[in-house]
């Protein structure tokens, strides 16, 4: 369907685009699928066409065919290292979406870099994904971090991370443990820029050797096995929608 779908006047190539069905006009081969909240599509009587979200052709016998909006899905995945979060990279050997049943048409909420393990949400709800990831909503993300122990240990460098290293906001360090050859800690942040944690520690002279996200908001990774997923319960979903 590449090149056949337009939102307003723009040709769309990615299925992950978020739209407002009350405002946006969606076209398939010049047929309008939504027009300012009108649920249906304009077409010639008796025409057969494919409707997004359905695998079978639809034979239209009247002026409008009612489109059923897909059920909203919310999944929590324990992402293994070696998997990429992007859906568009056709050269990636392993993608997180490969760990989810094909019938679940979802996309990752935010990202974890290829080398990072841990809690990752997937959904088909663009508004919810925005509320989870945008820093203005200040949802905490907590990580287990293991650092290679430097030859000269300076705790004031860790304090700089808590105070805030531009362009990054202040972070919280807790459960700090110093071993013979490594440092283990938990780090809590409110944002999620690309490779942010690895870069923050690099700026103060530390090297991250292991990184796992263990919590988003109040949802914890807990004992979810590596590479497995579960449905996020309705009360867990709701915490990110509070205030709507």
C-alpha atoms as a PDB file:
ATOM      1  CA  UNK A   1       0.000   0.000   0.000  1.00  0.00           C
ATOM      2  CA  UNK A   2       3.089   2.213  -0.135  1.00  0.00           C
ATOM      3  CA  UNK A   3       2.281   5.539  -1.782  1.00  0.00           C
ATOM      4  CA  UNK A   4      -1.469   4.849  -1.825  1.00  0.00           C
ATOM      5  CA  UNK A   5      -2.332   6.334   1.567  1.00  0.00           C
ATOM      6  CA  UNK A   6      -2.508  10.103   2.132  1.00  0.00           C
ATOM      7  CA  UNK A   7      -3.298  12.076   5.272  1.00  0.00           C
ATOM      8  CA  UNK A   8      -4.646  15.463   4.250  1.00  0.00           C
ATOM      9  CA  UNK A   9      -2.313  16.247   1.304  1.00  0.00           C
ATOM     10  CA  UNK A  10       0.711  14.219   2.416  1.00  0.00           C
ATOM     11  CA  UNK A  11       1.618  10.769   1.095  1.00  0.00           C
ATOM     12  CA  UNK A  12       2.274   8.422   4.038  1.00  0.00           C
ATOM     13  CA  UNK A  13       4.863   5.632   3.965  1.00  0.00           C
ATOM     14  CA  UNK A  14       4.859   4.617   7.662  1.00  0.00           C
ATOM     15  CA  UNK A  15       1.898   2.802   9.276  1.00  0.00           C
ATOM     16  CA  UNK A  16       2.880   4.212  12.692  1.00  0.00           C
ATOM     17  CA  UNK A  17       1.600   7.726  11.919  1.00  0.00           C
ATOM     18  CA  UNK A  18      -0.779   9.110  14.541  1.00  0.00           C
ATOM     19  CA  UNK A  19      -3.887  10.926  13.258  1.00  0.00           C
ATOM     20  CA  UNK A  20      -6.853  12.742  14.717  1.00  0.00           C
ATOM     21  CA  UNK A  21      -9.907  11.121  13.096  1.00  0.00           C
ATOM     22  CA  UNK A  22     -11.976  14.147  14.065  1.00  0.00           C
ATOM     23  CA  UNK A  23      -9.800  16.549  12.045  1.00  0.00           C
ATOM     24  CA  UNK A  24      -7.585  14.701   9.538  1.00  0.00           C
ATOM     25  CA  UNK A  25      -8.683  13.462   6.126  1.00  0.00           C
ATOM     26  CA  UNK A  26      -7.341  10.012   5.258  1.00  0.00           C
ATOM     27  CA  UNK A  27      -7.365   8.799   1.635  1.00  0.00           C
ATOM     28  CA  UNK A  28      -6.733   5.382   0.089  1.00  0.00           C
ATOM     29  CA  UNK A  29      -6.276   5.572  -3.693  1.00  0.00           C
ATOM     30  CA  UNK A  30      -8.100   8.935  -3.635  1.00  0.00           C
ATOM     31  CA  UNK A  31     -11.016   7.427  -1.681  1.00  0.00           C
ATOM     32  CA  UNK A  32     -11.678   9.268   1.570  1.00  0.00           C
ATOM     33  CA  UNK A  33     -11.634   7.032   4.654  1.00  0.00           C
ATOM     34  CA  UNK A  34     -12.340   9.750   7.222  1.00  0.00           C
ATOM     35  CA  UNK A  35     -13.557  13.300   6.849  1.00  0.00           C
ATOM     36  CA  UNK A  36     -13.864  15.483   9.977  1.00  0.00           C
ATOM     37  CA  UNK A  37     -15.247  12.684  12.089  1.00  0.00           C
ATOM     38  CA  UNK A  38     -17.465  11.086   9.416  1.00  0.00           C
ATOM     39  CA  UNK A  39     -16.855   7.365   9.984  1.00  0.00           C
ATOM     40  CA  UNK A  40     -16.810   5.798   6.542  1.00  0.00           C
ATOM     41  CA  UNK A  41     -15.429   6.172   3.053  1.00  0.00           C
ATOM     42  CA  UNK A  42     -16.713   7.761  -0.117  1.00  0.00           C
ATOM     43  CA  UNK A  43     -16.694   5.349  -3.072  1.00  0.00           C
ATOM     44  CA  UNK A  44     -18.582   4.160  -6.069  1.00  0.00           C
ATOM     45  CA  UNK A  45     -21.347   1.671  -5.431  1.00  0.00           C
ATOM     46  CA  UNK A  46     -20.274  -1.919  -6.013  1.00  0.00           C
ATOM     47  CA  UNK A  47     -16.526  -1.189  -5.797  1.00  0.00           C
ATOM     48  CA  UNK A  48     -14.159  -3.689  -4.130  1.00  0.00           C
ATOM     49  CA  UNK A  49     -11.233  -2.256  -2.160  1.00  0.00           C
ATOM     50  CA  UNK A  50      -8.911  -3.018   0.728  1.00  0.00           C
ATOM     51  CA  UNK A  51      -9.511  -1.324   4.077  1.00  0.00           C
ATOM     52  CA  UNK A  52      -6.599  -0.716   6.487  1.00  0.00           C
ATOM     53  CA  UNK A  53      -6.817  -3.130   9.408  1.00  0.00           C
ATOM     54  CA  UNK A  54      -8.511  -5.854   7.329  1.00  0.00           C
ATOM     55  CA  UNK A  55      -6.778  -8.551   5.296  1.00  0.00           C
ATOM     56  CA  UNK A  56      -9.812  -9.351   3.110  1.00  0.00           C
ATOM     57  CA  UNK A  57     -11.198  -7.152   0.295  1.00  0.00           C
ATOM     58  CA  UNK A  58     -14.387  -5.286   1.147  1.00  0.00           C
ATOM     59  CA  UNK A  59     -17.276  -5.157  -1.343  1.00  0.00           C
ATOM     60  CA  UNK A  60     -19.100  -1.864  -0.911  1.00  0.00           C
ATOM     61  CA  UNK A  61     -22.840  -2.002  -1.527  1.00  0.00           C
ATOM     62  CA  UNK A  62     -23.800   1.423  -0.168  1.00  0.00           C
ATOM     63  CA  UNK A  63     -22.371   4.910  -0.051  1.00  0.00           C
ATOM     64  CA  UNK A  64     -20.379   4.412   3.165  1.00  0.00           C
ATOM     65  CA  UNK A  65     -18.549   1.463   4.681  1.00  0.00           C
ATOM     66  CA  UNK A  66     -18.254   1.767   8.465  1.00  0.00           C
ATOM     67  CA  UNK A  67     -14.635   1.417   9.688  1.00  0.00           C
ATOM     68  CA  UNK A  68     -14.179  -0.260  13.074  1.00  0.00           C
ATOM     69  CA  UNK A  69     -11.331   1.240  15.045  1.00  0.00           C
ATOM     70  CA  UNK A  70      -8.860  -1.412  16.248  1.00  0.00           C
ATOM     71  CA  UNK A  71      -8.842  -2.372  19.902  1.00  0.00           C
ATOM     72  CA  UNK A  72      -6.179  -0.513  21.837  1.00  0.00           C
ATOM     73  CA  UNK A  73      -3.315  -2.751  22.928  1.00  0.00           C
ATOM     74  CA  UNK A  74      -0.729  -2.178  25.643  1.00  0.00           C
ATOM     75  CA  UNK A  75       2.157  -4.614  26.065  1.00  0.00           C
ATOM     76  CA  UNK A  76       5.191  -4.788  28.354  1.00  0.00           C
ATOM     77  CA  UNK A  77       8.232  -6.593  26.943  1.00  0.00           C
ATOM     78  CA  UNK A  78      11.510  -7.651  28.566  1.00  0.00           C
ATOM     79  CA  UNK A  79      13.769  -6.608  25.688  1.00  0.00           C
ATOM     80  CA  UNK A  80      16.960  -8.637  25.280  1.00  0.00           C
ATOM     81  CA  UNK A  81      20.238  -7.088  24.190  1.00  0.00           C
ATOM     82  CA  UNK A  82      20.859  -7.395  20.460  1.00  0.00           C
ATOM     83  CA  UNK A  83      17.344  -6.326  19.418  1.00  0.00           C
ATOM     84  CA  UNK A  84      16.606  -2.948  17.821  1.00  0.00           C
ATOM     85  CA  UNK A  85      13.476  -0.924  18.528  1.00  0.00           C
ATOM     86  CA  UNK A  86      13.147   0.601  15.080  1.00  0.00           C
ATOM     87  CA  UNK A  87      10.504  -0.803  12.750  1.00  0.00           C
ATOM     88  CA  UNK A  88      11.959   0.782   9.623  1.00  0.00           C
ATOM     89  CA  UNK A  89      15.501  -0.657   9.594  1.00  0.00           C
ATOM     90  CA  UNK A  90      15.303  -3.492   7.061  1.00  0.00           C
ATOM     91  CA  UNK A  91      18.958  -4.342   7.708  1.00  0.00           C
ATOM     92  CA  UNK A  92      18.441  -5.060  11.416  1.00  0.00           C
ATOM     93  CA  UNK A  93      19.019  -8.729  12.217  1.00  0.00           C
ATOM     94  CA  UNK A  94      16.623  -8.757  15.173  1.00  0.00           C
ATOM     95  CA  UNK A  95      13.787  -6.364  16.007  1.00  0.00           C
ATOM     96  CA  UNK A  96      11.704  -6.190  19.173  1.00  0.00           C
ATOM     97  CA  UNK A  97       8.569  -6.504  17.056  1.00  0.00           C
ATOM     98  CA  UNK A  98       9.726 -10.030  16.148  1.00  0.00           C
ATOM     99  CA  UNK A  99       9.090 -11.037  19.769  1.00  0.00           C
ATOM    100  CA  UNK A 100       5.398 -10.037  19.539  1.00  0.00           C
ATOM    101  CA  UNK A 101       2.652 -12.055  17.755  1.00  0.00           C
ATOM    102  CA  UNK A 102       2.128 -10.774  14.214  1.00  0.00           C
ATOM    103  CA  UNK A 103      -1.566 -10.161  14.804  1.00  0.00           C
ATOM    104  CA  UNK A 104      -0.677  -7.455  17.342  1.00  0.00           C
ATOM    105  CA  UNK A 105      -0.128  -4.354  15.216  1.00  0.00           C
ATOM    106  CA  UNK A 106       1.851  -2.343  17.754  1.00  0.00           C
ATOM    107  CA  UNK A 107       4.930  -0.116  17.835  1.00  0.00           C
ATOM    108  CA  UNK A 108       7.577   0.515  20.527  1.00  0.00           C
ATOM    109  CA  UNK A 109       6.950   3.322  23.009  1.00  0.00           C
ATOM    110  CA  UNK A 110      10.235   5.215  23.085  1.00  0.00           C
ATOM    111  CA  UNK A 111      13.384   3.205  22.641  1.00  0.00           C
ATOM    112  CA  UNK A 112      16.112   1.176  24.230  1.00  0.00           C
ATOM    113  CA  UNK A 113      19.377   1.013  22.314  1.00  0.00           C
ATOM    114  CA  UNK A 114      20.489  -2.291  20.825  1.00  0.00           C
ATOM    115  CA  UNK A 115      22.863  -3.111  23.687  1.00  0.00           C
ATOM    116  CA  UNK A 116      20.367  -2.365  26.471  1.00  0.00           C
ATOM    117  CA  UNK A 117      17.989  -4.829  28.103  1.00  0.00           C
ATOM    118  CA  UNK A 118      14.843  -4.217  30.046  1.00  0.00           C
ATOM    119  CA  UNK A 119      11.296  -2.950  30.174  1.00  0.00           C
ATOM    120  CA  UNK A 120       9.824  -1.696  26.904  1.00  0.00           C
ATOM    121  CA  UNK A 121       6.211  -0.802  26.190  1.00  0.00           C
ATOM    122  CA  UNK A 122       4.492  -1.445  22.850  1.00  0.00           C
ATOM    123  CA  UNK A 123       1.096  -0.122  21.849  1.00  0.00           C
ATOM    124  CA  UNK A 124      -1.128   0.996  18.987  1.00  0.00           C
ATOM    125  CA  UNK A 125      -2.296   4.025  20.990  1.00  0.00           C
ATOM    126  CA  UNK A 126      -0.318   7.054  19.825  1.00  0.00           C
ATOM    127  CA  UNK A 127      -1.750   9.440  22.429  1.00  0.00           C
ATOM    128  CA  UNK A 128      -0.819   7.091  25.264  1.00  0.00           C
ATOM    129  CA  UNK A 129       2.686   6.600  23.842  1.00  0.00           C
ATOM    130  CA  UNK A 130       3.152  10.378  23.784  1.00  0.00           C
ATOM    131  CA  UNK A 131       2.100  10.710  27.416  1.00  0.00           C
ATOM    132  CA  UNK A 132       4.477   7.939  28.470  1.00  0.00           C
ATOM    133  CA  UNK A 133       7.535   9.323  26.694  1.00  0.00           C
ATOM    134  CA  UNK A 134       7.314  13.120  26.736  1.00  0.00           C
ATOM    135  CA  UNK A 135       9.452  14.647  29.528  1.00  0.00           C
ATOM    136  CA  UNK A 136       6.800  17.228  30.421  1.00  0.00           C
ATOM    137  CA  UNK A 137       4.708  14.463  32.012  1.00  0.00           C
ATOM    138  CA  UNK A 138       7.682  13.575  34.254  1.00  0.00           C
ATOM    139  CA  UNK A 139       7.161   9.819  34.332  1.00  0.00           C
ATOM    140  CA  UNK A 140      10.169   8.219  35.977  1.00  0.00           C
ATOM    141  CA  UNK A 141      12.335   5.674  34.170  1.00  0.00           C
ATOM    142  CA  UNK A 142      14.622   3.620  36.385  1.00  0.00           C
ATOM    143  CA  UNK A 143      17.679   1.698  35.213  1.00  0.00           C
ATOM    144  CA  UNK A 144      20.087  -0.776  36.725  1.00  0.00           C
ATOM    145  CA  UNK A 145      23.550   0.435  35.715  1.00  0.00           C
ATOM    146  CA  UNK A 146      26.876  -1.391  36.047  1.00  0.00           C
ATOM    147  CA  UNK A 147      30.008   0.683  35.474  1.00  0.00           C
ATOM    148  CA  UNK A 148      33.586  -0.382  34.985  1.00  0.00           C
ATOM    149  CA  UNK A 149      35.439   0.853  38.058  1.00  0.00           C
ATOM    150  CA  UNK A 150      37.958   3.552  37.062  1.00  0.00           C
ATOM    151  CA  UNK A 151      41.515   3.537  38.382  1.00  0.00           C
ATOM    152  CA  UNK A 152      40.871   6.784  40.247  1.00  0.00           C
ATOM    153  CA  UNK A 153      37.412   6.931  41.775  1.00  0.00           C
ATOM    154  CA  UNK A 154      35.958  10.441  42.171  1.00  0.00           C
ATOM    155  CA  UNK A 155      32.498  10.572  43.720  1.00  0.00           C
ATOM    156  CA  UNK A 156      32.118  14.228  42.789  1.00  0.00           C
ATOM    157  CA  UNK A 157      31.778  13.090  39.173  1.00  0.00           C
ATOM    158  CA  UNK A 158      28.709  11.053  40.098  1.00  0.00           C
ATOM    159  CA  UNK A 159      27.353  14.115  41.896  1.00  0.00           C
ATOM    160  CA  UNK A 160      27.513  16.003  38.604  1.00  0.00           C
ATOM    161  CA  UNK A 161      25.027  13.541  37.126  1.00  0.00           C
ATOM    162  CA  UNK A 162      22.601  14.202  39.978  1.00  0.00           C
ATOM    163  CA  UNK A 163      23.032  17.953  39.548  1.00  0.00           C
ATOM    164  CA  UNK A 164      22.452  17.767  35.798  1.00  0.00           C
ATOM    165  CA  UNK A 165      24.939  17.576  32.940  1.00  0.00           C
ATOM    166  CA  UNK A 166      23.836  19.768  30.003  1.00  0.00           C
ATOM    167  CA  UNK A 167      22.028  18.927  27.821  1.00  0.00           C
ATOM    168  CA  UNK A 168      20.633  16.389  30.285  1.00  0.00           C
ATOM    169  CA  UNK A 169      18.351  17.053  33.229  1.00  0.00           C
ATOM    170  CA  UNK A 170      19.266  16.106  36.812  1.00  0.00           C
ATOM    171  CA  UNK A 171      19.058  12.412  37.633  1.00  0.00           C
ATOM    172  CA  UNK A 172      18.764  10.446  40.863  1.00  0.00           C
ATOM    173  CA  UNK A 173      21.378   7.872  41.888  1.00  0.00           C
ATOM    174  CA  UNK A 174      20.475   5.262  44.496  1.00  0.00           C
ATOM    175  CA  UNK A 175      21.588   1.813  45.714  1.00  0.00           C
ATOM    176  CA  UNK A 176      25.229   2.666  45.006  1.00  0.00           C
ATOM    177  CA  UNK A 177      27.578  -0.302  45.565  1.00  0.00           C
ATOM    178  CA  UNK A 178      31.345  -0.249  45.014  1.00  0.00           C
ATOM    179  CA  UNK A 179      32.954  -3.559  44.086  1.00  0.00           C
ATOM    180  CA  UNK A 180      36.537  -4.546  43.414  1.00  0.00           C
ATOM    181  CA  UNK A 181      36.231  -3.999  39.657  1.00  0.00           C
ATOM    182  CA  UNK A 182      32.769  -2.513  39.085  1.00  0.00           C
ATOM    183  CA  UNK A 183      30.205  -0.052  40.420  1.00  0.00           C
ATOM    184  CA  UNK A 184      26.513  -0.951  40.582  1.00  0.00           C
ATOM    185  CA  UNK A 185      23.729   1.621  40.993  1.00  0.00           C
ATOM    186  CA  UNK A 186      20.173   2.504  40.061  1.00  0.00           C
ATOM    187  CA  UNK A 187      19.578   5.655  38.039  1.00  0.00           C
ATOM    188  CA  UNK A 188      16.217   7.453  37.768  1.00  0.00           C
ATOM    189  CA  UNK A 189      15.550   9.926  34.944  1.00  0.00           C
ATOM    190  CA  UNK A 190      12.500  11.665  33.437  1.00  0.00           C
ATOM    191  CA  UNK A 191      13.651  11.877  29.840  1.00  0.00           C
ATOM    192  CA  UNK A 192      14.908   9.334  27.331  1.00  0.00           C
ATOM    193  CA  UNK A 193      17.283  10.776  24.764  1.00  0.00           C
ATOM    194  CA  UNK A 194      19.245   8.472  22.473  1.00  0.00           C
ATOM    195  CA  UNK A 195      21.969   6.618  24.443  1.00  0.00           C
ATOM    196  CA  UNK A 196      21.509   9.193  27.194  1.00  0.00           C
ATOM    197  CA  UNK A 197      22.711   7.151  30.167  1.00  0.00           C
ATOM    198  CA  UNK A 198      25.817   5.850  28.454  1.00  0.00           C
ATOM    199  CA  UNK A 199      26.687   9.375  27.372  1.00  0.00           C
ATOM    200  CA  UNK A 200      26.051  10.912  30.802  1.00  0.00           C
ATOM    201  CA  UNK A 201      28.510   8.555  32.447  1.00  0.00           C
ATOM    202  CA  UNK A 202      31.017   8.935  29.624  1.00  0.00           C
ATOM    203  CA  UNK A 203      31.050  12.677  30.225  1.00  0.00           C
ATOM    204  CA  UNK A 204      32.240  12.125  33.803  1.00  0.00           C
ATOM    205  CA  UNK A 205      34.769   9.422  32.977  1.00  0.00           C
ATOM    206  CA  UNK A 206      32.807   6.205  33.542  1.00  0.00           C
ATOM    207  CA  UNK A 207      32.076   3.374  31.102  1.00  0.00           C
ATOM    208  CA  UNK A 208      28.736   1.570  31.194  1.00  0.00           C
ATOM    209  CA  UNK A 209      29.224  -2.190  30.848  1.00  0.00           C
ATOM    210  CA  UNK A 210      25.628  -3.259  31.521  1.00  0.00           C
ATOM    211  CA  UNK A 211      22.309  -1.419  31.361  1.00  0.00           C
ATOM    212  CA  UNK A 212      18.783  -2.631  32.060  1.00  0.00           C
ATOM    213  CA  UNK A 213      15.583  -0.605  32.423  1.00  0.00           C
ATOM    214  CA  UNK A 214      13.682  -1.931  35.422  1.00  0.00           C
ATOM    215  CA  UNK A 215      10.770   0.495  35.790  1.00  0.00           C
ATOM    216  CA  UNK A 216       8.599   2.996  33.901  1.00  0.00           C
ATOM    217  CA  UNK A 217       6.287   4.993  36.162  1.00  0.00           C
ATOM    218  CA  UNK A 218       5.030   2.446  38.691  1.00  0.00           C
ATOM    219  CA  UNK A 219       5.264  -0.492  36.263  1.00  0.00           C
ATOM    220  CA  UNK A 220       8.229  -2.693  37.136  1.00  0.00           C
ATOM    221  CA  UNK A 221      10.037  -5.289  35.071  1.00  0.00           C
ATOM    222  CA  UNK A 222       9.869  -7.620  38.091  1.00  0.00           C
ATOM    223  CA  UNK A 223      10.209 -11.284  37.111  1.00  0.00           C
ATOM    224  CA  UNK A 224       9.094 -10.991  33.486  1.00  0.00           C
ATOM    225  CA  UNK A 225      11.429 -13.416  31.664  1.00  0.00           C
ATOM    226  CA  UNK A 226      13.917 -12.127  29.110  1.00  0.00           C
ATOM    227  CA  UNK A 227      12.332 -11.972  25.653  1.00  0.00           C
ATOM    228  CA  UNK A 228       8.787 -12.433  26.984  1.00  0.00           C
ATOM    229  CA  UNK A 229       5.876 -10.008  27.115  1.00  0.00           C
ATOM    230  CA  UNK A 230       2.659  -9.478  29.028  1.00  0.00           C
ATOM    231  CA  UNK A 231      -0.461  -7.367  28.667  1.00  0.00           C
ATOM    232  CA  UNK A 232      -0.425  -4.131  30.659  1.00  0.00           C
ATOM    233  CA  UNK A 233      -3.495  -4.054  32.895  1.00  0.00           C
ATOM    234  CA  UNK A 234      -6.089  -1.290  32.625  1.00  0.00           C
ATOM    235  CA  UNK A 235      -5.184   0.276  35.966  1.00  0.00           C
ATOM    236  CA  UNK A 236      -1.521   0.370  34.875  1.00  0.00           C
ATOM    237  CA  UNK A 237      -2.491   2.038  31.594  1.00  0.00           C
ATOM    238  CA  UNK A 238      -4.610   4.598  33.430  1.00  0.00           C
ATOM    239  CA  UNK A 239      -1.748   6.032  35.490  1.00  0.00           C
ATOM    240  CA  UNK A 240      -0.286   7.579  32.327  1.00  0.00           C
ATOM    241  CA  UNK A 241      -3.651   9.077  31.352  1.00  0.00           C
ATOM    242  CA  UNK A 242      -4.303  10.786  34.689  1.00  0.00           C
ATOM    243  CA  UNK A 243      -5.284  14.395  34.126  1.00  0.00           C
ATOM    244  CA  UNK A 244      -7.051  13.824  30.821  1.00  0.00           C
END
